[in-house]
Amino acid sequence: MTELTILRLGHHGDGIAEGPVYVPRTLPGEVVTGAVEAGRVAQPRILHPAPQRITAPCPHYHTCGGCALQHAREDFVSTWKQEVIRQALAAQGLAAEFRAPHISPLYSRRRATFAGRRLKKGALVGFHARASDVITPVPDCLILHPDLTAALPLLEDLTSWAGSRKTALALALTRSEVGLDLAVTGGKAMDDGLRAMLGQWAGQSGLARLAWEGEVIAQMRPPLQQMGRARVAPPPGAFLQATLAAEAAMQAALREICADARRVVDLFAGCGTFTLPLAEMAEVHAVEGSADMLAALDRGWRQAVGLKRVTHEARDLFRRPLLAEDLSRYDCAVIDPPRAGAEAQMHALAVSDVACIGAVSCNPTTFARDARILVQGGYRLDWVQLIDQFRFSPHVELAARFVR
């Protein structure tokens, strides 16, 4: 056994001791002991706990891989996540004012992807243990909306006859206004018999919609999501913010940034999470790579009342970013790229005359890289706000304002 002192947390939430040696679920300043194998201590024993350590509130914490930081006080986690952003910016020679963070409440996660495996008798549905294919049931999960937790027996029933004993189903479950929306991947190949069984099961289960490997098998009701004054039925498995509270915080930040704009361009617009609320105050052009998501956005806009003009364009912004001349007609740009960031699009924005930019990001490292591009092009990073919608995880999201 080796005795170690934890020096800091890594970006995945593990404690790091000299070496480096990675020690999960530890905190800076703690003294631990354990067997070091391949630079990790899998089962540490805490000799001297840090003042920030608390008893994990979830009964599944020690076996479930969904959370990594339940052993730390909330204020510590929030400060640490802000420091992750601050350090990423500093590495690019940048700094910014930090606004008060948003932290989504417990029991508010409206979407989650469960793993489901068929057993000899019944099925097992839950989250994978960390770095393992072992599935942990989570009937008392603290982060999931109760509607998702209540549906776990339904997912077990489906997995017991439609799943495999060799591989796990991926069961993407989303709460909508009119019921649950389920998209399944990794299952059996579709045939007429399976399609009939799935359709019957979906109807009996009260789902709003069931999709299997991207094909809609049954839709009893369009699984509507409220986006400002509009209601949108996203395609199966489409991206949505994890909690409504975080979505509202992001929308509020972008409304403030775009308050004086008459025309806004929304880059990586998805199904209209930001496009449609912003259309209450300005004309918006939505640009997104998925034609299906844009079609859902367009239907939502056309059925809403009191929105300004919304146009849309299917475009791969990684390969074909909007250029400065395309951007010249807009007063403000909103951008919410995937984890890889939007380097090519940021270079185009950097040489544009757009007055202000509202950015949302789920990766501080690529955000900081892209922010440097804008700053070198003459923008100022005005402020940053941590949006913590993945409670107890090391995942960091943010909103930020740039001004020319």
Protein backbone atom coordinates (compact mmCIF):
# COMPACT_ATOMS: atom_id res chain seq x y z
CA MET A 1 0.00 0.00 0.00
CA THR A 2 1.19 3.50 -0.89
CA GLU A 3 0.34 6.67 1.04
CA LEU A 4 -0.45 9.65 -1.17
CA THR A 5 -1.46 13.29 -0.77
CA ILE A 6 -3.97 14.62 -3.28
CA LEU A 7 -2.67 17.80 -4.90
CA ARG A 8 -5.54 18.79 -7.20
CA LEU A 9 -8.48 17.54 -9.23
CA GLY A 10 -8.14 16.59 -12.88
CA HIS A 11 -10.68 17.52 -15.54
CA HIS A 12 -12.46 14.18 -15.07
CA GLY A 13 -12.93 14.85 -11.35
CA ASP A 14 -10.25 12.42 -10.13
CA GLY A 15 -7.80 13.46 -7.45
CA ILE A 16 -4.21 13.69 -8.67
CA ALA A 17 -1.21 12.90 -6.49
CA GLU A 18 2.47 13.26 -7.34
CA GLY A 19 3.55 10.95 -10.12
CA PRO A 20 0.96 11.61 -11.42
CA VAL A 21 -1.24 9.06 -9.72
CA TYR A 22 -5.00 9.32 -10.28
CA VAL A 23 -7.27 8.58 -7.34
CA PRO A 24 -11.05 8.65 -7.97
CA ARG A 25 -13.45 10.36 -5.57
CA THR A 26 -10.83 12.19 -3.55
CA LEU A 27 -10.29 15.89 -2.87
CA PRO A 28 -7.28 18.23 -2.73
CA GLY A 29 -5.39 18.01 0.56
CA GLU A 30 -6.60 14.52 1.43
CA VAL A 31 -4.16 11.81 2.47
CA VAL A 32 -5.08 8.39 1.10
CA THR A 33 -3.61 4.94 0.86
CA GLY A 34 -4.08 2.17 -1.67
CA ALA A 35 -2.46 -0.07 -4.27
CA VAL A 36 -1.09 1.85 -7.26
CA GLU A 37 -1.61 0.02 -10.55
CA ALA A 38 -0.88 1.64 -13.91
CA GLY A 39 -0.87 5.08 -12.33
CA ARG A 40 -4.22 4.68 -10.55
CA VAL A 41 -5.55 3.76 -7.13
CA ALA A 42 -8.85 2.00 -7.81
CA GLN A 43 -9.87 1.47 -4.17
CA PRO A 44 -8.42 4.29 -2.04
CA ARG A 45 -8.82 4.48 1.72
CA ILE A 46 -9.13 8.02 3.07
CA LEU A 47 -6.74 8.57 5.98
CA HIS A 48 -7.26 12.32 6.40
CA PRO A 49 -10.42 13.73 4.73
CA ALA A 50 -10.62 17.29 3.43
CA PRO A 51 -13.03 19.79 5.04
CA GLN A 52 -14.96 19.86 1.76
CA ARG A 53 -15.77 16.14 1.96
CA ILE A 54 -19.38 15.14 2.69
CA THR A 55 -21.28 11.88 2.77
CA ALA A 56 -22.56 11.14 -0.73
CA PRO A 57 -26.36 11.61 -0.65
CA CYS A 58 -27.19 8.97 -3.29
CA PRO A 59 -27.37 5.28 -2.29
CA HIS A 60 -26.06 4.29 -5.74
CA TYR A 61 -22.95 6.48 -5.67
CA HIS A 62 -20.40 3.80 -4.87
CA THR A 63 -21.47 1.49 -7.70
CA CYS A 64 -22.90 3.82 -10.37
CA GLY A 65 -20.62 5.57 -12.86
CA GLY A 66 -23.03 8.41 -13.59
CA CYS A 67 -21.69 10.77 -10.90
CA ALA A 68 -18.13 11.58 -9.83
CA LEU A 69 -18.34 14.41 -7.28
CA GLN A 70 -21.10 13.62 -4.78
CA HIS A 71 -18.47 13.39 -2.04
CA ALA A 72 -17.74 17.14 -2.29
CA ARG A 73 -19.67 20.16 -1.03
CA GLU A 74 -21.69 22.00 -3.65
CA ASP A 75 -19.81 25.28 -3.22
CA PHE A 76 -16.49 23.49 -3.69
CA VAL A 77 -17.67 21.85 -6.93
CA SER A 78 -19.00 25.14 -8.29
CA THR A 79 -15.76 26.97 -7.47
CA TRP A 80 -13.70 24.15 -9.00
CA LYS A 81 -15.71 24.19 -12.24
CA GLN A 82 -15.29 27.95 -12.53
CA GLU A 83 -11.57 27.46 -11.99
CA VAL A 84 -11.49 24.90 -14.84
CA ILE A 85 -12.87 27.62 -17.13
CA ARG A 86 -10.52 30.25 -15.70
CA GLN A 87 -7.46 28.05 -16.25
CA ALA A 88 -8.52 27.19 -19.80
CA LEU A 89 -8.80 30.91 -20.57
CA ALA A 90 -5.49 31.69 -18.86
CA ALA A 91 -3.76 29.07 -21.02
CA GLN A 92 -4.84 31.20 -24.01
CA GLY A 93 -3.78 34.44 -22.35
CA LEU A 94 -7.37 35.47 -21.56
CA ALA A 95 -9.36 36.50 -18.50
CA ALA A 96 -12.97 37.50 -17.89
CA GLU A 97 -15.46 38.54 -15.25
CA PHE A 98 -17.42 35.58 -13.88
CA ARG A 99 -21.13 35.94 -13.21
CA ALA A 100 -22.97 34.01 -10.50
CA PRO A 101 -23.24 30.39 -11.61
CA HIS A 102 -26.44 28.55 -12.39
CA ILE A 103 -26.80 25.15 -10.69
CA SER A 104 -29.70 22.98 -11.83
CA PRO A 105 -31.81 21.51 -9.00
CA LEU A 106 -31.99 17.86 -8.03
CA TYR A 107 -34.51 15.61 -9.82
CA SER A 108 -34.52 17.89 -12.87
CA ARG A 109 -32.71 15.86 -15.57
CA ARG A 110 -35.24 15.46 -18.40
CA ARG A 111 -33.19 13.17 -20.62
CA ALA A 112 -30.85 10.25 -19.99
CA THR A 113 -29.49 7.26 -21.87
CA PHE A 114 -29.77 4.03 -19.91
CA ALA A 115 -28.06 0.73 -20.64
CA GLY A 116 -30.30 -2.35 -20.80
CA ARG A 117 -29.17 -5.98 -20.82
CA ARG A 118 -31.39 -9.07 -21.05
CA LEU A 119 -30.82 -11.71 -18.36
CA LYS A 120 -31.87 -15.35 -18.12
CA LYS A 121 -34.87 -14.06 -16.21
CA GLY A 122 -35.93 -10.48 -16.75
CA ALA A 123 -33.52 -7.65 -17.51
CA LEU A 124 -31.14 -5.14 -15.96
CA VAL A 125 -31.49 -1.42 -16.75
CA GLY A 126 -29.42 1.42 -15.32
CA PHE A 127 -26.13 3.24 -15.77
CA HIS A 128 -22.74 1.67 -16.38
CA ALA A 129 -20.30 1.54 -13.50
CA ARG A 130 -17.24 3.68 -14.12
CA ALA A 131 -14.98 2.31 -16.88
CA SER A 132 -16.97 -0.93 -16.87
CA ASP A 133 -19.72 -2.76 -18.74
CA VAL A 134 -21.37 -3.61 -15.41
CA ILE A 135 -24.85 -2.06 -15.22
CA THR A 136 -26.05 -0.53 -11.95
CA PRO A 137 -29.82 -0.08 -11.37
CA VAL A 138 -30.64 3.48 -10.22
CA PRO A 139 -34.23 3.47 -8.86
CA ASP A 140 -33.45 6.29 -6.38
CA CYS A 141 -31.32 8.51 -8.65
CA LEU A 142 -31.07 12.09 -7.35
CA ILE A 143 -30.57 13.78 -10.71
CA LEU A 144 -33.31 12.21 -12.86
CA HIS A 145 -36.77 13.71 -13.14
CA PRO A 146 -39.23 11.39 -11.35
CA ASP A 147 -40.98 10.66 -14.66
CA LEU A 148 -37.78 9.04 -15.96
CA THR A 149 -37.23 7.03 -12.79
CA ALA A 150 -40.84 5.82 -12.85
CA ALA A 151 -40.28 4.49 -16.39
CA LEU A 152 -37.42 2.15 -15.44
CA PRO A 153 -39.76 -0.89 -15.06
CA LEU A 154 -41.05 -0.22 -18.60
CA LEU A 155 -37.50 -0.22 -19.93
CA GLU A 156 -36.78 -3.47 -18.09
CA ASP A 157 -39.86 -5.03 -19.67
CA LEU A 158 -38.78 -3.93 -23.16
CA THR A 159 -35.21 -5.13 -22.62
CA SER A 160 -36.35 -8.54 -21.35
CA TRP A 161 -37.78 -9.51 -24.76
CA ALA A 162 -36.19 -7.10 -27.24
CA GLY A 163 -32.68 -6.88 -25.81
CA SER A 164 -29.61 -9.09 -26.04
CA ARG A 165 -27.61 -11.03 -23.48
CA LYS A 166 -24.40 -10.24 -25.37
CA THR A 167 -24.65 -6.48 -25.83
CA ALA A 168 -26.47 -3.71 -24.02
CA LEU A 169 -29.30 -1.66 -25.48
CA ALA A 170 -28.92 2.12 -25.41
CA LEU A 171 -32.25 3.49 -24.19
CA ALA A 172 -32.41 7.26 -24.73
CA LEU A 173 -35.38 8.49 -22.72
CA THR A 174 -36.62 12.08 -22.86
CA ARG A 175 -39.45 13.70 -20.93
CA SER A 176 -41.78 15.77 -23.12
CA GLU A 177 -44.92 17.80 -22.43
CA VAL A 178 -47.14 14.92 -23.51
CA GLY A 179 -45.27 11.84 -22.31
CA LEU A 180 -41.99 10.00 -22.65
CA ASP A 181 -40.02 9.85 -25.89
CA LEU A 182 -37.87 6.72 -26.24
CA ALA A 183 -35.16 6.12 -28.87
CA VAL A 184 -33.46 2.70 -28.80
CA THR A 185 -30.19 1.67 -30.46
CA GLY A 186 -28.15 -1.50 -30.32
CA GLY A 187 -31.17 -3.80 -30.54
CA LYS A 188 -32.32 -6.62 -32.76
CA ALA A 189 -32.59 -6.17 -36.52
CA MET A 190 -36.04 -4.95 -37.48
CA ASP A 191 -38.53 -7.34 -39.10
CA ASP A 192 -42.31 -7.41 -39.37
CA GLY A 193 -42.73 -9.43 -36.18
CA LEU A 194 -40.56 -7.13 -34.08
CA ARG A 195 -42.21 -4.02 -35.55
CA ALA A 196 -45.67 -5.32 -34.59
CA MET A 197 -44.54 -6.23 -31.07
CA LEU A 198 -42.87 -2.86 -30.53
CA GLY A 199 -45.89 -0.95 -31.78
CA GLN A 200 -48.22 -2.86 -29.47
CA TRP A 201 -45.87 -2.43 -26.51
CA ALA A 202 -45.52 1.32 -27.12
CA GLY A 203 -49.28 1.77 -27.19
CA GLN A 204 -49.77 -0.20 -23.98
CA SER A 205 -46.92 1.64 -22.24
CA GLY A 206 -48.32 5.12 -22.82
CA LEU A 207 -45.22 6.46 -24.57
CA ALA A 208 -45.53 9.54 -26.72
CA ARG A 209 -43.13 8.05 -29.28
CA LEU A 210 -40.92 5.00 -29.78
CA ALA A 211 -38.03 4.92 -32.26
CA TRP A 212 -35.85 1.87 -33.01
CA GLU A 213 -32.47 2.47 -34.66
CA GLY A 214 -33.71 5.85 -35.88
CA GLU A 215 -37.00 4.55 -37.31
CA VAL A 216 -40.19 5.80 -35.67
CA ILE A 217 -42.16 2.67 -34.80
CA ALA A 218 -45.06 4.30 -33.01
CA GLN A 219 -46.12 7.87 -32.23
CA MET A 220 -49.22 8.29 -30.15
CA ARG A 221 -48.62 12.03 -29.66
CA PRO A 222 -45.89 14.37 -30.96
CA PRO A 223 -43.34 14.62 -28.10
CA LEU A 224 -43.48 18.38 -27.78
CA GLN A 225 -40.87 20.56 -26.09
CA GLN A 226 -41.58 24.19 -25.17
CA MET A 227 -39.10 26.64 -26.71
CA GLY A 228 -40.19 30.14 -25.86
CA ARG A 229 -43.69 30.59 -27.30
CA ALA A 230 -43.20 27.72 -29.72
CA ARG A 231 -43.66 23.99 -29.20
CA VAL A 232 -41.31 21.68 -31.09
CA ALA A 233 -41.31 17.91 -31.63
CA PRO A 234 -37.60 17.08 -32.12
CA PRO A 235 -36.50 14.11 -34.25
CA PRO A 236 -35.79 10.88 -32.33
CA GLY A 237 -32.63 11.17 -30.26
CA ALA A 238 -32.14 14.87 -31.10
CA PHE A 239 -30.00 16.96 -28.78
CA LEU A 240 -31.76 18.88 -26.00
CA GLN A 241 -30.30 20.63 -22.98
CA ALA A 242 -30.30 18.21 -20.04
CA THR A 243 -32.47 20.32 -17.71
CA LEU A 244 -35.14 22.94 -18.34
CA ALA A 245 -33.59 25.14 -15.63
CA ALA A 246 -30.22 25.23 -17.41
CA GLU A 247 -31.92 25.83 -20.74
CA ALA A 248 -33.79 28.78 -19.24
CA ALA A 249 -30.55 30.19 -17.80
CA MET A 250 -28.85 29.97 -21.19
CA GLN A 251 -31.85 31.53 -22.93
CA ALA A 252 -31.89 34.39 -20.42
CA ALA A 253 -28.18 35.05 -21.00
CA LEU A 254 -28.61 35.11 -24.78
CA ARG A 255 -31.72 37.30 -24.58
CA GLU A 256 -29.65 39.84 -22.65
CA ILE A 257 -26.78 39.66 -25.14
CA CYS A 258 -29.13 40.09 -28.12
CA ALA A 259 -31.39 42.67 -26.46
CA ASP A 260 -30.60 45.46 -28.93
CA ALA A 261 -30.37 43.31 -32.05
CA ARG A 262 -32.85 43.47 -34.91
CA ARG A 263 -31.37 40.52 -36.82
CA VAL A 264 -29.65 37.53 -35.20
CA VAL A 265 -27.90 34.51 -36.68
CA ASP A 266 -28.06 31.30 -34.61
CA LEU A 267 -25.16 28.98 -35.49
CA PHE A 268 -25.51 25.26 -34.65
CA ALA A 269 -29.18 26.03 -34.01
CA GLY A 270 -30.43 22.48 -33.44
CA CYS A 271 -34.21 22.32 -33.08
CA GLY A 272 -34.53 25.97 -32.07
CA THR A 273 -33.61 26.03 -28.37
CA PHE A 274 -32.32 29.59 -28.77
CA THR A 275 -33.71 30.52 -32.20
CA LEU A 276 -37.36 30.45 -31.17
CA PRO A 277 -37.11 32.40 -27.87
CA LEU A 278 -34.93 35.00 -29.61
CA ALA A 279 -37.56 35.31 -32.37
CA GLU A 280 -39.80 37.00 -29.82
CA MET A 281 -37.53 40.05 -30.08
CA ALA A 282 -35.64 39.85 -33.39
CA GLU A 283 -35.60 38.20 -36.80
CA VAL A 284 -33.44 35.07 -36.60
CA HIS A 285 -31.61 33.00 -39.22
CA ALA A 286 -30.98 29.46 -37.94
CA VAL A 287 -28.05 27.46 -39.35
CA GLU A 288 -27.75 23.76 -38.53
CA GLY A 289 -26.28 20.67 -40.15
CA SER A 290 -29.32 18.46 -39.62
CA ALA A 291 -32.20 19.04 -42.02
CA ASP A 292 -34.51 17.02 -39.75
CA MET A 293 -33.87 19.30 -36.80
CA LEU A 294 -34.42 22.38 -38.93
CA ALA A 295 -37.71 20.94 -40.18
CA ALA A 296 -38.84 20.51 -36.57
CA LEU A 297 -37.77 24.08 -35.79
CA ASP A 298 -39.67 25.41 -38.81
CA ARG A 299 -42.88 23.57 -37.87
CA GLY A 300 -42.66 24.96 -34.35
CA TRP A 301 -42.18 28.51 -35.62
CA ARG A 302 -45.06 28.31 -38.10
CA GLN A 303 -47.47 27.09 -35.43
CA ALA A 304 -46.45 29.67 -32.83
CA VAL A 305 -48.05 33.08 -32.32
CA GLY A 306 -46.26 36.40 -31.97
CA LEU A 307 -42.83 35.48 -33.31
CA LYS A 308 -40.79 37.50 -35.77
CA ARG A 309 -39.51 36.06 -39.03
CA VAL A 310 -37.35 32.93 -38.77
CA THR A 311 -35.38 31.57 -41.72
CA HIS A 312 -33.17 28.51 -41.73
CA GLU A 313 -30.32 26.91 -43.66
CA ALA A 314 -28.95 23.37 -43.59
CA ARG A 315 -25.17 23.77 -43.62
CA ASP A 316 -22.10 21.98 -42.28
CA LEU A 317 -20.45 24.82 -40.38
CA PHE A 318 -17.26 22.82 -39.87
CA ARG A 319 -16.66 22.56 -43.61
CA ARG A 320 -18.62 25.59 -44.81
CA PRO A 321 -18.69 28.29 -42.13
CA LEU A 322 -20.69 31.43 -42.74
CA LEU A 323 -18.19 33.98 -44.05
CA ALA A 324 -17.81 37.62 -43.08
CA GLU A 325 -19.95 38.78 -46.01
CA ASP A 326 -22.69 36.33 -44.95
CA LEU A 327 -22.53 37.61 -41.39
CA SER A 328 -22.57 41.32 -42.27
CA ARG A 329 -26.37 41.49 -42.27
CA TYR A 330 -26.68 40.47 -38.60
CA ASP A 331 -26.36 42.59 -35.47
CA CYS A 332 -25.66 39.65 -33.17
CA ALA A 333 -24.52 36.04 -33.51
CA VAL A 334 -25.36 33.15 -31.21
CA ILE A 335 -23.21 30.02 -31.34
CA ASP A 336 -23.53 26.70 -29.49
CA PRO A 337 -21.11 24.22 -31.10
CA PRO A 338 -20.41 20.59 -30.14
CA ARG A 339 -17.49 19.70 -27.85
CA ALA A 340 -15.01 20.12 -30.69
CA GLY A 341 -15.78 23.83 -30.76
CA ALA A 342 -16.09 25.86 -33.95
CA GLU A 343 -12.61 26.95 -34.99
CA ALA A 344 -13.39 27.59 -38.66
CA GLN A 345 -16.58 29.52 -37.87
CA MET A 346 -14.79 31.58 -35.20
CA HIS A 347 -12.15 32.66 -37.72
CA ALA A 348 -14.97 33.92 -39.94
CA LEU A 349 -16.67 35.70 -37.05
CA ALA A 350 -13.36 37.26 -36.02
CA VAL A 351 -13.13 39.19 -39.31
CA SER A 352 -16.83 40.07 -39.42
CA ASP A 353 -18.49 43.28 -38.23
CA VAL A 354 -21.05 41.53 -35.99
CA ALA A 355 -21.41 43.78 -32.94
CA CYS A 356 -21.81 41.11 -30.28
CA ILE A 357 -21.62 37.34 -29.93
CA GLY A 358 -23.37 35.11 -27.43
CA ALA A 359 -21.53 31.82 -27.00
CA VAL A 360 -22.61 28.62 -25.27
CA SER A 361 -20.07 25.84 -24.79
CA CYS A 362 -19.78 22.38 -23.20
CA ASN A 363 -15.97 22.28 -23.39
CA PRO A 364 -13.87 24.98 -21.66
CA THR A 365 -10.72 24.00 -23.58
CA THR A 366 -12.17 24.46 -27.06
CA PHE A 367 -14.15 27.48 -25.87
CA ALA A 368 -10.93 29.16 -24.72
CA ARG A 369 -9.21 28.34 -28.02
CA ASP A 370 -12.13 29.81 -29.97
CA ALA A 371 -12.33 32.82 -27.63
CA ARG A 372 -8.70 33.63 -28.38
CA ILE A 373 -9.51 33.69 -32.09
CA LEU A 374 -12.27 36.24 -31.48
CA VAL A 375 -10.13 38.38 -29.17
CA GLN A 376 -7.30 38.42 -31.70
CA GLY A 377 -9.88 39.59 -34.24
CA GLY A 378 -10.87 42.59 -32.12
CA TYR A 379 -13.55 41.26 -29.75
CA ARG A 380 -13.56 41.59 -25.97
CA LEU A 381 -14.62 38.70 -23.74
CA ASP A 382 -17.05 40.59 -21.54
CA TRP A 383 -18.25 37.92 -19.07
CA VAL A 384 -18.60 34.19 -18.51
CA GLN A 385 -21.26 32.26 -16.57
CA LEU A 386 -20.96 28.66 -15.42
CA ILE A 387 -24.09 26.65 -16.28
CA ASP A 388 -23.95 23.50 -14.13
CA GLN A 389 -26.72 21.26 -15.41
CA PHE A 390 -24.82 18.01 -14.86
CA ARG A 391 -24.86 17.92 -11.07
CA PHE A 392 -22.19 15.80 -9.37
CA SER A 393 -20.26 15.33 -12.63
CA PRO A 394 -17.04 17.00 -13.87
CA HIS A 395 -18.89 18.21 -16.96
CA VAL A 396 -18.61 21.99 -17.39
CA GLU A 397 -20.90 24.21 -19.49
CA LEU A 398 -20.93 27.96 -19.86
CA ALA A 399 -22.42 31.00 -21.52
CA ALA A 400 -20.34 34.04 -22.50
CA ARG A 401 -20.61 37.47 -24.12
CA PHE A 402 -18.19 38.94 -26.65
CA VAL A 403 -18.42 42.54 -27.90
CA ARG A 404 -16.66 44.12 -30.86
